[in-house]
PDB file of N, CA and C in Angstrom:
ATOM      1  N   UNK A   1      90.331 -20.592   2.848  1.00  0.00           N
ATOM      2  CA  UNK A   1      89.816 -18.999   2.517  1.00  0.00           C
ATOM      3  C   UNK A   1      88.897 -19.085   2.020  1.00  0.00           C
ATOM      4  N   UNK A   2      87.359 -18.176   2.711  1.00  0.00           N
ATOM      5  CA  UNK A   2      86.963 -17.789   1.935  1.00  0.00           C
ATOM      6  C   UNK A   2      86.001 -16.188   1.990  1.00  0.00           C
ATOM      7  N   UNK A   3      86.278 -16.035   1.089  1.00  0.00           N
ATOM      8  CA  UNK A   3      85.179 -14.878   0.618  1.00  0.00           C
ATOM      9  C   UNK A   3      83.436 -14.498   0.374  1.00  0.00           C
ATOM     10  N   UNK A   4      82.540 -13.136   0.520  1.00  0.00           N
ATOM     11  CA  UNK A   4      81.585 -13.354   0.280  1.00  0.00           C
ATOM     12  C   UNK A   4      81.620 -13.183  -1.034  1.00  0.00           C
ATOM     13  N   UNK A   5      80.868 -13.078  -1.798  1.00  0.00           N
ATOM     14  CA  UNK A   5      80.486 -12.718  -2.892  1.00  0.00           C
ATOM     15  C   UNK A   5      78.533 -12.010  -3.252  1.00  0.00           C
ATOM     16  N   UNK A   6      78.874 -10.714  -2.586  1.00  0.00           N
ATOM     17  CA  UNK A   6      77.560 -10.318  -1.898  1.00  0.00           C
ATOM     18  C   UNK A   6      76.935  -9.624  -3.482  1.00  0.00           C
ATOM     19  N   UNK A   7      75.454  -9.965  -3.394  1.00  0.00           N
ATOM     20  CA  UNK A   7      74.916  -8.647  -4.275  1.00  0.00           C
ATOM     21  C   UNK A   7      72.519  -8.845  -4.249  1.00  0.00           C
ATOM     22  N   UNK A   8      72.881  -7.381  -4.097  1.00  0.00           N
ATOM     23  CA  UNK A   8      71.184  -6.364  -3.878  1.00  0.00           C
ATOM     24  C   UNK A   8      70.697  -7.404  -4.727  1.00  0.00           C
ATOM     25  N   UNK A   9      69.410  -8.010  -3.569  1.00  0.00           N
ATOM     26  CA  UNK A   9      68.089  -8.128  -5.371  1.00  0.00           C
ATOM     27  C   UNK A   9      67.494  -6.898  -5.486  1.00  0.00           C
ATOM     28  N   UNK A  10      66.056  -7.347  -5.433  1.00  0.00           N
ATOM     29  CA  UNK A  10      65.561  -5.959  -5.857  1.00  0.00           C
ATOM     30  C   UNK A  10      63.573  -7.280  -5.518  1.00  0.00           C
ATOM     31  N   UNK A  11      62.543  -6.694  -4.090  1.00  0.00           N
ATOM     32  CA  UNK A  11      61.816  -7.548  -3.660  1.00  0.00           C
ATOM     33  C   UNK A  11      60.843  -6.507  -4.750  1.00  0.00           C
ATOM     34  N   UNK A  12      59.966  -7.883  -5.556  1.00  0.00           N
ATOM     35  CA  UNK A  12      59.044  -7.130  -5.480  1.00  0.00           C
ATOM     36  C   UNK A  12      57.889  -6.353  -5.849  1.00  0.00           C
ATOM     37  N   UNK A  13      56.979  -7.092  -4.578  1.00  0.00           N
ATOM     38  CA  UNK A  13      56.153  -6.506  -3.953  1.00  0.00           C
ATOM     39  C   UNK A  13      57.210  -5.823  -3.118  1.00  0.00           C
ATOM     40  N   UNK A  14      57.417  -6.195  -2.411  1.00  0.00           N
ATOM     41  CA  UNK A  14      57.736  -4.554  -1.534  1.00  0.00           C
ATOM     42  C   UNK A  14      59.112  -3.402  -1.325  1.00  0.00           C
ATOM     43  N   UNK A  15      59.760  -3.914  -2.443  1.00  0.00           N
ATOM     44  CA  UNK A  15      60.672  -2.958  -3.018  1.00  0.00           C
ATOM     45  C   UNK A  15      61.412  -2.866  -1.762  1.00  0.00           C
ATOM     46  N   UNK A  16      61.613  -3.364  -0.571  1.00  0.00           N
ATOM     47  CA  UNK A  16      63.128  -3.757   0.110  1.00  0.00           C
ATOM     48  C   UNK A  16      63.615  -5.176  -0.787  1.00  0.00           C
ATOM     49  N   UNK A  17      64.775  -4.025  -0.821  1.00  0.00           N
ATOM     50  CA  UNK A  17      67.104  -5.674  -0.922  1.00  0.00           C
ATOM     51  C   UNK A  17      66.241  -6.501   0.209  1.00  0.00           C
ATOM     52  N   UNK A  18      67.466  -7.518   0.036  1.00  0.00           N
ATOM     53  CA  UNK A  18      67.418  -7.932   0.490  1.00  0.00           C
ATOM     54  C   UNK A  18      68.934  -8.507  -0.055  1.00  0.00           C
ATOM     55  N   UNK A  19      70.210  -9.719   0.806  1.00  0.00           N
ATOM     56  CA  UNK A  19      71.233  -9.387   0.381  1.00  0.00           C
ATOM     57  C   UNK A  19      71.328 -10.798   0.286  1.00  0.00           C
ATOM     58  N   UNK A  20      71.961 -11.284  -0.560  1.00  0.00           N
ATOM     59  CA  UNK A  20      71.773 -12.873  -0.970  1.00  0.00           C
ATOM     60  C   UNK A  20      74.005 -12.811  -0.256  1.00  0.00           C
ATOM     61  N   UNK A  21      74.173 -14.447  -0.109  1.00  0.00           N
ATOM     62  CA  UNK A  21      75.893 -14.089   0.315  1.00  0.00           C
ATOM     63  C   UNK A  21      75.385 -15.999  -0.528  1.00  0.00           C
ATOM     64  N   UNK A  22      76.835 -15.585  -1.358  1.00  0.00           N
ATOM     65  CA  UNK A  22      77.567 -17.115  -1.751  1.00  0.00           C
ATOM     66  C   UNK A  22      79.041 -16.956  -1.551  1.00  0.00           C
ATOM     67  N   UNK A  23      79.192 -17.592  -0.678  1.00  0.00           N
ATOM     68  CA  UNK A  23      80.596 -18.423  -0.942  1.00  0.00           C
ATOM     69  C   UNK A  23      81.335 -18.947  -1.601  1.00  0.00           C
ATOM     70  N   UNK A  24      82.175 -18.450  -1.642  1.00  0.00           N
ATOM     71  CA  UNK A  24      84.358 -18.581  -2.516  1.00  0.00           C
ATOM     72  C   UNK A  24      84.479 -20.019  -1.631  1.00  0.00           C
ATOM     73  N   UNK A  25      84.385 -21.119  -2.479  1.00  0.00           N
ATOM     74  CA  UNK A  25      85.510 -21.622  -0.847  1.00  0.00           C
ATOM     75  C   UNK A  25      86.276 -22.710  -1.796  1.00  0.00           C
ATOM     76  N   UNK A  26      87.545 -23.126  -1.377  1.00  0.00           N
ATOM     77  CA  UNK A  26      89.012 -22.774  -1.820  1.00  0.00           C
ATOM     78  C   UNK A  26      89.502 -22.585  -3.235  1.00  0.00           C
ATOM     79  N   UNK A  27      88.424 -20.699  -3.237  1.00  0.00           N
ATOM     80  CA  UNK A  27      89.366 -20.386  -4.053  1.00  0.00           C
ATOM     81  C   UNK A  27      88.986 -20.299  -5.334  1.00  0.00           C
ATOM     82  N   UNK A  28      87.279 -21.364  -5.635  1.00  0.00           N
ATOM     83  CA  UNK A  28      86.753 -21.998  -6.320  1.00  0.00           C
ATOM     84  C   UNK A  28      85.108 -20.660  -7.573  1.00  0.00           C
ATOM     85  N   UNK A  29      86.514 -19.739  -8.103  1.00  0.00           N
ATOM     86  CA  UNK A  29      85.376 -19.050  -8.137  1.00  0.00           C
ATOM     87  C   UNK A  29      84.528 -18.919  -9.518  1.00  0.00           C
ATOM     88  N   UNK A  30      84.467 -20.197 -10.377  1.00  0.00           N
ATOM     89  CA  UNK A  30      83.676 -20.434 -10.769  1.00  0.00           C
ATOM     90  C   UNK A  30      82.107 -21.571 -10.487  1.00  0.00           C
ATOM     91  N   UNK A  31      82.997 -22.352  -9.535  1.00  0.00           N
ATOM     92  CA  UNK A  31      81.136 -22.360  -8.689  1.00  0.00           C
ATOM     93  C   UNK A  31      80.626 -22.370  -7.555  1.00  0.00           C
ATOM     94  N   UNK A  32      81.804 -21.194  -7.385  1.00  0.00           N
ATOM     95  CA  UNK A  32      80.962 -19.541  -6.136  1.00  0.00           C
ATOM     96  C   UNK A  32      79.597 -18.757  -7.858  1.00  0.00           C
ATOM     97  N   UNK A  33      80.587 -18.488  -9.313  1.00  0.00           N
ATOM     98  CA  UNK A  33      78.887 -17.245  -9.497  1.00  0.00           C
ATOM     99  C   UNK A  33      78.002 -18.579 -10.359  1.00  0.00           C
ATOM    100  N   UNK A  34      78.647 -19.621 -10.705  1.00  0.00           N
ATOM    101  CA  UNK A  34      77.079 -21.322 -10.958  1.00  0.00           C
ATOM    102  C   UNK A  34      76.528 -20.622  -9.777  1.00  0.00           C
ATOM    103  N   UNK A  35      76.740 -20.536  -8.667  1.00  0.00           N
ATOM    104  CA  UNK A  35      76.085 -21.079  -7.307  1.00  0.00           C
ATOM    105  C   UNK A  35      75.149 -19.827  -7.610  1.00  0.00           C
ATOM    106  N   UNK A  36      75.848 -18.390  -7.175  1.00  0.00           N
ATOM    107  CA  UNK A  36      75.315 -17.029  -7.875  1.00  0.00           C
ATOM    108  C   UNK A  36      73.955 -16.667  -8.566  1.00  0.00           C
ATOM    109  N   UNK A  37      74.360 -17.690 -10.471  1.00  0.00           N
ATOM    110  CA  UNK A  37      73.156 -16.886 -10.908  1.00  0.00           C
ATOM    111  C   UNK A  37      72.244 -18.175 -10.251  1.00  0.00           C
ATOM    112  N   UNK A  38      72.286 -18.955  -9.809  1.00  0.00           N
ATOM    113  CA  UNK A  38      71.185 -20.399 -10.071  1.00  0.00           C
ATOM    114  C   UNK A  38      70.675 -20.016  -8.409  1.00  0.00           C
ATOM    115  N   UNK A  39      70.985 -18.618  -7.517  1.00  0.00           N
ATOM    116  CA  UNK A  39      69.778 -18.136  -6.884  1.00  0.00           C
ATOM    117  C   UNK A  39      69.709 -17.157  -8.126  1.00  0.00           C
ATOM    118  N   UNK A  40      69.933 -16.924  -8.309  1.00  0.00           N
ATOM    119  CA  UNK A  40      69.637 -15.480  -8.906  1.00  0.00           C
ATOM    120  C   UNK A  40      68.032 -15.525  -9.967  1.00  0.00           C
ATOM    121  N   UNK A  41      68.790 -16.716  -9.932  1.00  0.00           N
ATOM    122  CA  UNK A  41      67.524 -17.493 -12.034  1.00  0.00           C
ATOM    123  C   UNK A  41      66.229 -17.760 -10.464  1.00  0.00           C
ATOM    124  N   UNK A  42      66.660 -18.656  -9.283  1.00  0.00           N
ATOM    125  CA  UNK A  42      65.468 -19.417  -8.513  1.00  0.00           C
ATOM    126  C   UNK A  42      64.463 -17.648  -8.699  1.00  0.00           C
ATOM    127  N   UNK A  43      65.362 -16.888  -8.107  1.00  0.00           N
ATOM    128  CA  UNK A  43      64.306 -15.482  -6.667  1.00  0.00           C
ATOM    129  C   UNK A  43      64.141 -15.022  -8.423  1.00  0.00           C
ATOM    130  N   UNK A  44      63.981 -15.008  -9.367  1.00  0.00           N
ATOM    131  CA  UNK A  44      63.480 -14.533 -10.659  1.00  0.00           C
ATOM    132  C   UNK A  44      64.419 -13.079 -10.759  1.00  0.00           C
ATOM    133  N   UNK A  45      65.838 -12.760 -10.006  1.00  0.00           N
ATOM    134  CA  UNK A  45      65.618 -10.988 -10.635  1.00  0.00           C
ATOM    135  C   UNK A  45      66.231 -10.940 -11.993  1.00  0.00           C
ATOM    136  N   UNK A  46      67.050 -12.102 -12.618  1.00  0.00           N
ATOM    137  CA  UNK A  46      67.139 -12.215 -13.936  1.00  0.00           C
ATOM    138  C   UNK A  46      66.369 -11.434 -14.385  1.00  0.00           C
ATOM    139  N   UNK A  47      64.896 -11.722 -14.745  1.00  0.00           N
ATOM    140  CA  UNK A  47      63.862 -11.240 -15.602  1.00  0.00           C
ATOM    141  C   UNK A  47      63.389  -9.917 -14.670  1.00  0.00           C
ATOM    142  N   UNK A  48      63.293  -9.931 -13.764  1.00  0.00           N
ATOM    143  CA  UNK A  48      63.642  -8.608 -12.845  1.00  0.00           C
ATOM    144  C   UNK A  48      64.109  -7.115 -13.552  1.00  0.00           C
ATOM    145  N   UNK A  49      65.406  -7.457 -13.370  1.00  0.00           N
ATOM    146  CA  UNK A  49      66.561  -6.606 -14.191  1.00  0.00           C
ATOM    147  C   UNK A  49      66.036  -7.198 -16.123  1.00  0.00           C
ATOM    148  N   UNK A  50      65.819  -8.143 -16.567  1.00  0.00           N
ATOM    149  CA  UNK A  50      65.140  -7.876 -18.012  1.00  0.00           C
ATOM    150  C   UNK A  50      63.815  -7.033 -17.818  1.00  0.00           C
ATOM    151  N   UNK A  51      63.146  -7.265 -17.078  1.00  0.00           N
ATOM    152  CA  UNK A  51      62.100  -5.864 -17.349  1.00  0.00           C
ATOM    153  C   UNK A  51      62.124  -5.064 -16.555  1.00  0.00           C
ATOM    154  N   UNK A  52      63.773  -4.940 -16.810  1.00  0.00           N
ATOM    155  CA  UNK A  52      63.295  -3.328 -16.347  1.00  0.00           C
ATOM    156  C   UNK A  52      65.047  -2.489 -17.369  1.00  0.00           C
ATOM    157  N   UNK A  53      65.571  -2.701 -18.516  1.00  0.00           N
ATOM    158  CA  UNK A  53      66.140  -2.275 -19.246  1.00  0.00           C
ATOM    159  C   UNK A  53      64.782  -0.893 -20.113  1.00  0.00           C
ATOM    160  N   UNK A  54      63.218  -1.296 -20.132  1.00  0.00           N
ATOM    161  CA  UNK A  54      63.828  -0.339 -21.192  1.00  0.00           C
ATOM    162  C   UNK A  54      62.667   0.068 -20.157  1.00  0.00           C
ATOM    163  N   UNK A  55      61.810   1.569 -20.253  1.00  0.00           N
ATOM    164  CA  UNK A  55      59.985   1.376 -19.975  1.00  0.00           C
ATOM    165  C   UNK A  55      58.784   0.818 -20.315  1.00  0.00           C
ATOM    166  N   UNK A  56      58.066   0.760 -18.893  1.00  0.00           N
ATOM    167  CA  UNK A  56      57.427  -0.228 -20.033  1.00  0.00           C
ATOM    168  C   UNK A  56      56.094   0.558 -19.351  1.00  0.00           C
ATOM    169  N   UNK A  57      55.620   0.455 -20.424  1.00  0.00           N
ATOM    170  CA  UNK A  57      54.251   1.543 -20.242  1.00  0.00           C
ATOM    171  C   UNK A  57      53.018   0.774 -19.438  1.00  0.00           C
ATOM    172  N   UNK A  58      52.215   1.195 -18.307  1.00  0.00           N
ATOM    173  CA  UNK A  58      51.971   0.357 -17.830  1.00  0.00           C
ATOM    174  C   UNK A  58      50.078  -0.394 -18.901  1.00  0.00           C
ATOM    175  N   UNK A  59      49.760   0.632 -19.397  1.00  0.00           N
ATOM    176  CA  UNK A  59      49.269  -0.614 -20.612  1.00  0.00           C
ATOM    177  C   UNK A  59      49.920  -2.242 -21.462  1.00  0.00           C
ATOM    178  N   UNK A  60      50.810  -1.260 -21.304  1.00  0.00           N
ATOM    179  CA  UNK A  60      52.012  -3.312 -21.225  1.00  0.00           C
ATOM    180  C   UNK A  60      52.251  -4.099 -20.292  1.00  0.00           C
ATOM    181  N   UNK A  61      52.532  -3.821 -19.314  1.00  0.00           N
ATOM    182  CA  UNK A  61      52.209  -3.821 -18.043  1.00  0.00           C
ATOM    183  C   UNK A  61      51.277  -4.383 -17.910  1.00  0.00           C
ATOM    184  N   UNK A  62      50.115  -4.014 -18.213  1.00  0.00           N
ATOM    185  CA  UNK A  62      48.993  -5.186 -17.423  1.00  0.00           C
ATOM    186  C   UNK A  62      48.603  -6.099 -18.359  1.00  0.00           C
ATOM    187  N   UNK A  63      49.109  -5.690 -19.786  1.00  0.00           N
ATOM    188  CA  UNK A  63      49.148  -7.098 -20.925  1.00  0.00           C
ATOM    189  C   UNK A  63      49.933  -8.271 -20.748  1.00  0.00           C
ATOM    190  N   UNK A  64      51.531  -7.595 -20.726  1.00  0.00           N
ATOM    191  CA  UNK A  64      51.542  -8.658 -20.351  1.00  0.00           C
ATOM    192  C   UNK A  64      51.954  -8.984 -18.874  1.00  0.00           C
ATOM    193  N   UNK A  65      50.583  -8.743 -17.157  1.00  0.00           N
ATOM    194  CA  UNK A  65      50.881  -9.419 -16.372  1.00  0.00           C
ATOM    195  C   UNK A  65      49.289 -10.714 -16.717  1.00  0.00           C
ATOM    196  N   UNK A  66      48.740 -10.120 -17.707  1.00  0.00           N
ATOM    197  CA  UNK A  66      47.318 -11.078 -18.563  1.00  0.00           C
ATOM    198  C   UNK A  66      48.031 -12.064 -18.525  1.00  0.00           C
ATOM    199  N   UNK A  67      49.104 -11.973 -19.525  1.00  0.00           N
ATOM    200  CA  UNK A  67      49.732 -13.510 -20.877  1.00  0.00           C
ATOM    201  C   UNK A  67      49.751 -13.815 -18.927  1.00  0.00           C
ATOM    202  N   UNK A  68      49.713 -13.536 -18.057  1.00  0.00           N
ATOM    203  CA  UNK A  68      51.412 -14.573 -17.182  1.00  0.00           C
ATOM    204  C   UNK A  68      50.240 -14.910 -16.149  1.00  0.00           C
ATOM    205  N   UNK A  69      49.205 -14.237 -16.430  1.00  0.00           N
ATOM    206  CA  UNK A  69      48.586 -15.836 -14.933  1.00  0.00           C
ATOM    207  C   UNK A  69      47.361 -15.929 -15.980  1.00  0.00           C
ATOM    208  N   UNK A  70      47.728 -15.716 -17.836  1.00  0.00           N
ATOM    209  CA  UNK A  70      46.754 -16.895 -18.790  1.00  0.00           C
ATOM    210  C   UNK A  70      47.652 -18.069 -18.565  1.00  0.00           C
ATOM    211  N   UNK A  71      48.910 -17.936 -18.869  1.00  0.00           N
ATOM    212  CA  UNK A  71      49.513 -18.845 -18.643  1.00  0.00           C
ATOM    213  C   UNK A  71      49.887 -19.668 -17.445  1.00  0.00           C
ATOM    214  N   UNK A  72      49.905 -18.927 -15.997  1.00  0.00           N
ATOM    215  CA  UNK A  72      49.590 -20.136 -14.994  1.00  0.00           C
ATOM    216  C   UNK A  72      48.590 -20.714 -14.766  1.00  0.00           C
ATOM    217  N   UNK A  73      47.356 -20.200 -14.716  1.00  0.00           N
ATOM    218  CA  UNK A  73      46.874 -20.477 -14.928  1.00  0.00           C
ATOM    219  C   UNK A  73      46.731 -21.744 -15.890  1.00  0.00           C
ATOM    220  N   UNK A  74      47.014 -22.058 -17.608  1.00  0.00           N
ATOM    221  CA  UNK A  74      47.317 -22.547 -18.150  1.00  0.00           C
ATOM    222  C   UNK A  74      47.117 -24.221 -17.057  1.00  0.00           C
ATOM    223  N   UNK A  75      49.464 -23.828 -17.148  1.00  0.00           N
ATOM    224  CA  UNK A  75      49.601 -24.498 -16.356  1.00  0.00           C
ATOM    225  C   UNK A  75      49.284 -25.129 -15.288  1.00  0.00           C
ATOM    226  N   UNK A  76      48.426 -24.484 -15.250  1.00  0.00           N
ATOM    227  CA  UNK A  76      47.784 -25.291 -13.572  1.00  0.00           C
ATOM    228  C   UNK A  76      46.274 -26.233 -13.958  1.00  0.00           C
ATOM    229  N   UNK A  77      46.017 -25.985 -14.670  1.00  0.00           N
ATOM    230  CA  UNK A  77      44.926 -26.680 -15.425  1.00  0.00           C
ATOM    231  C   UNK A  77      45.433 -27.840 -15.946  1.00  0.00           C
ATOM    232  N   UNK A  78      46.410 -28.024 -16.632  1.00  0.00           N
ATOM    233  CA  UNK A  78      47.033 -29.070 -17.382  1.00  0.00           C
ATOM    234  C   UNK A  78      47.580 -29.867 -16.391  1.00  0.00           C
ATOM    235  N   UNK A  79      48.238 -29.330 -15.272  1.00  0.00           N
ATOM    236  CA  UNK A  79      48.084 -29.782 -13.955  1.00  0.00           C
ATOM    237  C   UNK A  79      47.560 -31.293 -13.201  1.00  0.00           C
ATOM    238  N   UNK A  80      46.870 -30.450 -13.024  1.00  0.00           N
ATOM    239  CA  UNK A  80      45.631 -31.372 -13.019  1.00  0.00           C
ATOM    240  C   UNK A  80      44.734 -32.045 -13.652  1.00  0.00           C
ATOM    241  N   UNK A  81      44.792 -32.108 -14.694  1.00  0.00           N
ATOM    242  CA  UNK A  81      44.586 -32.703 -15.712  1.00  0.00           C
ATOM    243  C   UNK A  81      44.939 -33.226 -16.075  1.00  0.00           C
ATOM    244  N   UNK A  82      46.452 -34.367 -15.321  1.00  0.00           N
ATOM    245  CA  UNK A  82      47.518 -35.078 -15.900  1.00  0.00           C
ATOM    246  C   UNK A  82      47.147 -36.173 -13.836  1.00  0.00           C
ATOM    247  N   UNK A  83      47.563 -35.033 -13.151  1.00  0.00           N
ATOM    248  CA  UNK A  83      46.824 -35.684 -11.309  1.00  0.00           C
ATOM    249  C   UNK A  83      45.243 -36.836 -11.517  1.00  0.00           C
ATOM    250  N   UNK A  84      44.120 -36.365 -12.290  1.00  0.00           N
ATOM    251  CA  UNK A  84      43.167 -36.366 -12.613  1.00  0.00           C
ATOM    252  C   UNK A  84      43.314 -38.351 -13.765  1.00  0.00           C
ATOM    253  N   UNK A  85      44.087 -37.231 -14.012  1.00  0.00           N
ATOM    254  CA  UNK A  85      44.552 -38.540 -15.436  1.00  0.00           C
ATOM    255  C   UNK A  85      44.093 -38.916 -16.206  1.00  0.00           C
ATOM    256  N   UNK A  86      43.247 -37.503 -16.650  1.00  0.00           N
ATOM    257  CA  UNK A  86      42.868 -37.178 -17.811  1.00  0.00           C
ATOM    258  C   UNK A  86      44.014 -36.997 -19.502  1.00  0.00           C
ATOM    259  N   UNK A  87      45.411 -36.409 -18.902  1.00  0.00           N
ATOM    260  CA  UNK A  87      45.930 -36.535 -19.787  1.00  0.00           C
ATOM    261  C   UNK A  87      47.305 -37.409 -19.819  1.00  0.00           C
ATOM    262  N   UNK A  88      48.170 -37.599 -20.242  1.00  0.00           N
ATOM    263  CA  UNK A  88      49.583 -38.898 -20.765  1.00  0.00           C
ATOM    264  C   UNK A  88      50.205 -37.362 -19.338  1.00  0.00           C
ATOM    265  N   UNK A  89      50.609 -38.499 -18.758  1.00  0.00           N
ATOM    266  CA  UNK A  89      51.949 -37.622 -18.042  1.00  0.00           C
ATOM    267  C   UNK A  89      53.269 -37.112 -18.962  1.00  0.00           C
ATOM    268  N   UNK A  90      53.572 -36.484 -18.204  1.00  0.00           N
ATOM    269  CA  UNK A  90      55.318 -35.943 -19.297  1.00  0.00           C
ATOM    270  C   UNK A  90      55.668 -36.582 -19.531  1.00  0.00           C
ATOM    271  N   UNK A  91      56.571 -37.286 -20.651  1.00  0.00           N
ATOM    272  CA  UNK A  91      57.589 -37.948 -20.186  1.00  0.00           C
ATOM    273  C   UNK A  91      59.023 -37.585 -19.508  1.00  0.00           C
ATOM    274  N   UNK A  92      59.782 -38.507 -18.427  1.00  0.00           N
ATOM    275  CA  UNK A  92      60.417 -37.596 -17.917  1.00  0.00           C
ATOM    276  C   UNK A  92      61.904 -37.411 -19.044  1.00  0.00           C
ATOM    277  N   UNK A  93      62.815 -36.281 -17.783  1.00  0.00           N
ATOM    278  CA  UNK A  93      63.855 -35.915 -18.592  1.00  0.00           C
ATOM    279  C   UNK A  93      64.616 -37.129 -18.234  1.00  0.00           C
ATOM    280  N   UNK A  94      66.039 -36.541 -19.821  1.00  0.00           N
ATOM    281  CA  UNK A  94      67.111 -37.470 -18.860  1.00  0.00           C
ATOM    282  C   UNK A  94      68.642 -35.911 -18.626  1.00  0.00           C
ATOM    283  N   UNK A  95      68.213 -36.615 -18.220  1.00  0.00           N
ATOM    284  CA  UNK A  95      69.042 -35.468 -17.239  1.00  0.00           C
ATOM    285  C   UNK A  95      70.598 -35.485 -18.947  1.00  0.00           C
ATOM    286  N   UNK A  96      71.565 -33.562 -18.404  1.00  0.00           N
ATOM    287  CA  UNK A  96      72.073 -33.925 -19.671  1.00  0.00           C
ATOM    288  C   UNK A  96      71.955 -34.228 -21.014  1.00  0.00           C
ATOM    289  N   UNK A  97      71.056 -34.623 -21.343  1.00  0.00           N
ATOM    290  CA  UNK A  97      70.402 -35.694 -22.908  1.00  0.00           C
ATOM    291  C   UNK A  97      70.486 -33.748 -23.240  1.00  0.00           C
ATOM    292  N   UNK A  98      70.866 -33.384 -25.249  1.00  0.00           N
ATOM    293  CA  UNK A  98      70.408 -32.730 -25.615  1.00  0.00           C
ATOM    294  C   UNK A  98      72.112 -30.815 -25.856  1.00  0.00           C
ATOM    295  N   UNK A  99      72.262 -32.125 -24.329  1.00  0.00           N
ATOM    296  CA  UNK A  99      73.811 -30.918 -25.052  1.00  0.00           C
ATOM    297  C   UNK A  99      74.307 -31.654 -26.092  1.00  0.00           C
ATOM    298  N   UNK A 100      75.174 -30.588 -26.709  1.00  0.00           N
ATOM    299  CA  UNK A 100      76.493 -30.207 -27.841  1.00  0.00           C
ATOM    300  C   UNK A 100      77.285 -30.985 -27.280  1.00  0.00           C
TER     301      UNK A 100
END
């Protein structure tokens, strides 16, 4: 038996809604919720919802967007420097490390 868990998310650019579908297989709701959470995380839905909890003044919005742009530019410059060999490559992550 398969059921769908529809979830509407908001696209920031156009304000259009689109439907996210997660299929429940073998009545495994936990797996379906995990998949839904992963999809929403990838799309930025959680960040969007968190941002809309309280009103954000236009000046605060500009400051946040500027800080995000600076962060993106620094990340891009760091990755470029690593590719060119100017910085050492990051240490590979070990999956599951650090979990209690």
